[in-house]
Amino acid sequence: MIPAYSAAKAGIIALTRSIAVHCQEQGYKIRVNAIAPGAHDTPMTRQALGELPEGEAGLDQIQAMGQGIPEDVANLVLFLASEESRQITGTHVVIDNGETMR
């Protein structure tokens, strides 16, 4: 599952960049960014975490680091949609409380 997830994530990042370049070249005033959320407290995440056996890779890290809440992602979307982010395009923003940097 990890190789497929990694390949899909890399594809999203490349697609985001390509679409951003295309929009700029065409003169479209469209900014294109991707958001890569980590563990956030949602019903789906609660169910998935409840099904993991103790000691599962990543479970300890999530428990130690804590999870975000959906409003954290919503606030990022709001920022990216605002004029305050007018110079941000063609990138991906990771919002995971530092999970992926460990």
C-alpha atoms as a PDB file:
ATOM      1  CA  MET A   1       0.000   0.000   0.000  1.00  0.00           C
ATOM      2  CA  ILE A   2       2.835   2.445   0.778  1.00  0.00           C
ATOM      3  CA  PRO A   3       4.332   2.312  -2.774  1.00  0.00           C
ATOM      4  CA  ALA A   4       0.929   3.011  -4.332  1.00  0.00           C
ATOM      5  CA  TYR A   5       0.287   5.850  -1.887  1.00  0.00           C
ATOM      6  CA  SER A   6       3.714   7.349  -2.571  1.00  0.00           C
ATOM      7  CA  ALA A   7       3.253   7.117  -6.329  1.00  0.00           C
ATOM      8  CA  ALA A   8      -0.191   8.712  -6.139  1.00  0.00           C
ATOM      9  CA  LYS A   9       1.102  11.542  -3.949  1.00  0.00           C
ATOM     10  CA  ALA A  10       4.009  12.210  -6.323  1.00  0.00           C
ATOM     11  CA  GLY A  11       1.545  12.242  -9.212  1.00  0.00           C
ATOM     12  CA  ILE A  12      -0.644  14.821  -7.482  1.00  0.00           C
ATOM     13  CA  ILE A  13       2.388  17.051  -6.818  1.00  0.00           C
ATOM     14  CA  ALA A  14       3.539  16.807 -10.457  1.00  0.00           C
ATOM     15  CA  LEU A  15       0.014  17.418 -11.757  1.00  0.00           C
ATOM     16  CA  THR A  16      -0.352  20.466  -9.503  1.00  0.00           C
ATOM     17  CA  ARG A  17       2.851  21.974 -10.865  1.00  0.00           C
ATOM     18  CA  SER A  18       1.952  21.199 -14.464  1.00  0.00           C
ATOM     19  CA  ILE A  19      -1.497  22.747 -14.209  1.00  0.00           C
ATOM     20  CA  ALA A  20      -0.064  25.844 -12.471  1.00  0.00           C
ATOM     21  CA  VAL A  21       2.474  26.324 -15.280  1.00  0.00           C
ATOM     22  CA  HIS A  22      -0.219  25.794 -17.911  1.00  0.00           C
ATOM     23  CA  CYS A  23      -2.484  28.380 -16.283  1.00  0.00           C
ATOM     24  CA  GLN A  24       0.339  30.924 -16.151  1.00  0.00           C
ATOM     25  CA  GLU A  25       1.338  30.296 -19.768  1.00  0.00           C
ATOM     26  CA  GLN A  26      -2.262  30.770 -20.887  1.00  0.00           C
ATOM     27  CA  GLY A  27      -2.613  33.951 -18.867  1.00  0.00           C
ATOM     28  CA  TYR A  28      -5.311  32.474 -16.666  1.00  0.00           C
ATOM     29  CA  LYS A  29      -5.545  34.140 -13.291  1.00  0.00           C
ATOM     30  CA  ILE A  30      -5.851  30.784 -11.570  1.00  0.00           C
ATOM     31  CA  ARG A  31      -3.615  29.589  -8.765  1.00  0.00           C
ATOM     32  CA  VAL A  32      -3.172  25.844  -8.381  1.00  0.00           C
ATOM     33  CA  ASN A  33      -2.003  24.249  -5.141  1.00  0.00           C
ATOM     34  CA  ALA A  34      -2.389  20.888  -3.445  1.00  0.00           C
ATOM     35  CA  ILE A  35      -2.976  20.224   0.228  1.00  0.00           C
ATOM     36  CA  ALA A  36      -1.440  17.131   1.849  1.00  0.00           C
ATOM     37  CA  PRO A  37      -3.131  16.598   5.199  1.00  0.00           C
ATOM     38  CA  GLY A  38      -1.848  14.178   7.787  1.00  0.00           C
ATOM     39  CA  ALA A  39      -3.972  12.583  10.483  1.00  0.00           C
ATOM     40  CA  HIS A  40      -6.972  14.692  11.359  1.00  0.00           C
ATOM     41  CA  ASP A  41      -9.734  13.744  13.748  1.00  0.00           C
ATOM     42  CA  THR A  42     -12.584  12.627  11.507  1.00  0.00           C
ATOM     43  CA  PRO A  43     -14.988   9.689  11.743  1.00  0.00           C
ATOM     44  CA  MET A  44     -13.013   7.865   9.025  1.00  0.00           C
ATOM     45  CA  THR A  45      -9.707   8.386  10.843  1.00  0.00           C
ATOM     46  CA  ARG A  46     -11.190   7.285  14.189  1.00  0.00           C
ATOM     47  CA  GLN A  47     -12.465   4.082  12.587  1.00  0.00           C
ATOM     48  CA  ALA A  48      -9.158   3.367  10.830  1.00  0.00           C
ATOM     49  CA  LEU A  49      -7.117   3.968  13.982  1.00  0.00           C
ATOM     50  CA  GLY A  50      -9.488   1.772  15.973  1.00  0.00           C
ATOM     51  CA  GLU A  51      -8.834  -1.110  13.589  1.00  0.00           C
ATOM     52  CA  LEU A  52      -5.020  -0.923  13.846  1.00  0.00           C
ATOM     53  CA  PRO A  53      -3.297  -3.383  16.163  1.00  0.00           C
ATOM     54  CA  GLU A  54      -1.214  -1.993  19.046  1.00  0.00           C
ATOM     55  CA  GLY A  55       2.334  -1.264  17.978  1.00  0.00           C
ATOM     56  CA  GLU A  56       1.369  -0.615  14.334  1.00  0.00           C
ATOM     57  CA  ALA A  57       3.872   1.633  12.572  1.00  0.00           C
ATOM     58  CA  GLY A  58       2.740   5.228  12.743  1.00  0.00           C
ATOM     59  CA  LEU A  59       0.097   4.686  15.420  1.00  0.00           C
ATOM     60  CA  ASP A  60       2.453   5.641  18.254  1.00  0.00           C
ATOM     61  CA  GLN A  61       3.547   8.721  16.314  1.00  0.00           C
ATOM     62  CA  ILE A  62      -0.030   9.856  15.735  1.00  0.00           C
ATOM     63  CA  GLN A  63      -0.856   9.317  19.389  1.00  0.00           C
ATOM     64  CA  ALA A  64       2.258  11.226  20.492  1.00  0.00           C
ATOM     65  CA  MET A  65       1.939  14.103  18.005  1.00  0.00           C
ATOM     66  CA  GLY A  66      -1.821  14.413  18.178  1.00  0.00           C
ATOM     67  CA  GLN A  67      -4.211  14.897  15.321  1.00  0.00           C
ATOM     68  CA  GLY A  68      -5.437  18.024  13.695  1.00  0.00           C
ATOM     69  CA  ILE A  69      -9.075  18.908  13.340  1.00  0.00           C
ATOM     70  CA  PRO A  70     -10.909  19.462  10.052  1.00  0.00           C
ATOM     71  CA  GLU A  71     -11.006  23.204  10.745  1.00  0.00           C
ATOM     72  CA  ASP A  72      -7.187  23.263  10.451  1.00  0.00           C
ATOM     73  CA  VAL A  73      -7.460  22.169   6.822  1.00  0.00           C
ATOM     74  CA  ALA A  74     -10.427  24.468   6.215  1.00  0.00           C
ATOM     75  CA  ASN A  75      -8.397  27.439   7.442  1.00  0.00           C
ATOM     76  CA  LEU A  76      -5.585  26.527   5.050  1.00  0.00           C
ATOM     77  CA  VAL A  77      -8.059  26.319   2.164  1.00  0.00           C
ATOM     78  CA  LEU A  78      -9.458  29.711   3.166  1.00  0.00           C
ATOM     79  CA  PHE A  79      -5.960  31.208   3.183  1.00  0.00           C
ATOM     80  CA  LEU A  80      -5.076  29.712  -0.208  1.00  0.00           C
ATOM     81  CA  ALA A  81      -8.323  31.068  -1.664  1.00  0.00           C
ATOM     82  CA  SER A  82      -7.632  34.557  -0.310  1.00  0.00           C
ATOM     83  CA  GLU A  83      -5.637  37.419  -1.797  1.00  0.00           C
ATOM     84  CA  GLU A  84      -3.091  37.008   1.008  1.00  0.00           C
ATOM     85  CA  SER A  85      -1.775  33.957  -0.869  1.00  0.00           C
ATOM     86  CA  ARG A  86      -1.738  35.598  -4.310  1.00  0.00           C
ATOM     87  CA  GLN A  87       1.922  34.659  -4.883  1.00  0.00           C
ATOM     88  CA  ILE A  88       1.479  30.990  -3.986  1.00  0.00           C
ATOM     89  CA  THR A  89       0.914  28.639  -6.895  1.00  0.00           C
ATOM     90  CA  GLY A  90       2.239  25.315  -8.120  1.00  0.00           C
ATOM     91  CA  THR A  91       3.089  23.960  -4.714  1.00  0.00           C
ATOM     92  CA  HIS A  92       1.802  21.512  -2.165  1.00  0.00           C
ATOM     93  CA  VAL A  93       1.274  22.380   1.456  1.00  0.00           C
ATOM     94  CA  VAL A  94       1.708  19.689   4.082  1.00  0.00           C
ATOM     95  CA  ILE A  95      -0.472  20.099   7.150  1.00  0.00           C
ATOM     96  CA  ASP A  96       0.428  17.226   9.437  1.00  0.00           C
ATOM     97  CA  ASN A  97       1.895  18.623  12.682  1.00  0.00           C
ATOM     98  CA  GLY A  98       5.346  17.511  11.574  1.00  0.00           C
ATOM     99  CA  GLU A  99       4.462  13.830  11.006  1.00  0.00           C
ATOM    100  CA  THR A 100       6.289  13.517   7.680  1.00  0.00           C
ATOM    101  CA  MET A 101       9.470  15.204   8.833  1.00  0.00           C
ATOM    102  CA  ARG A 102      10.235  12.457  11.352  1.00  0.00           C
END
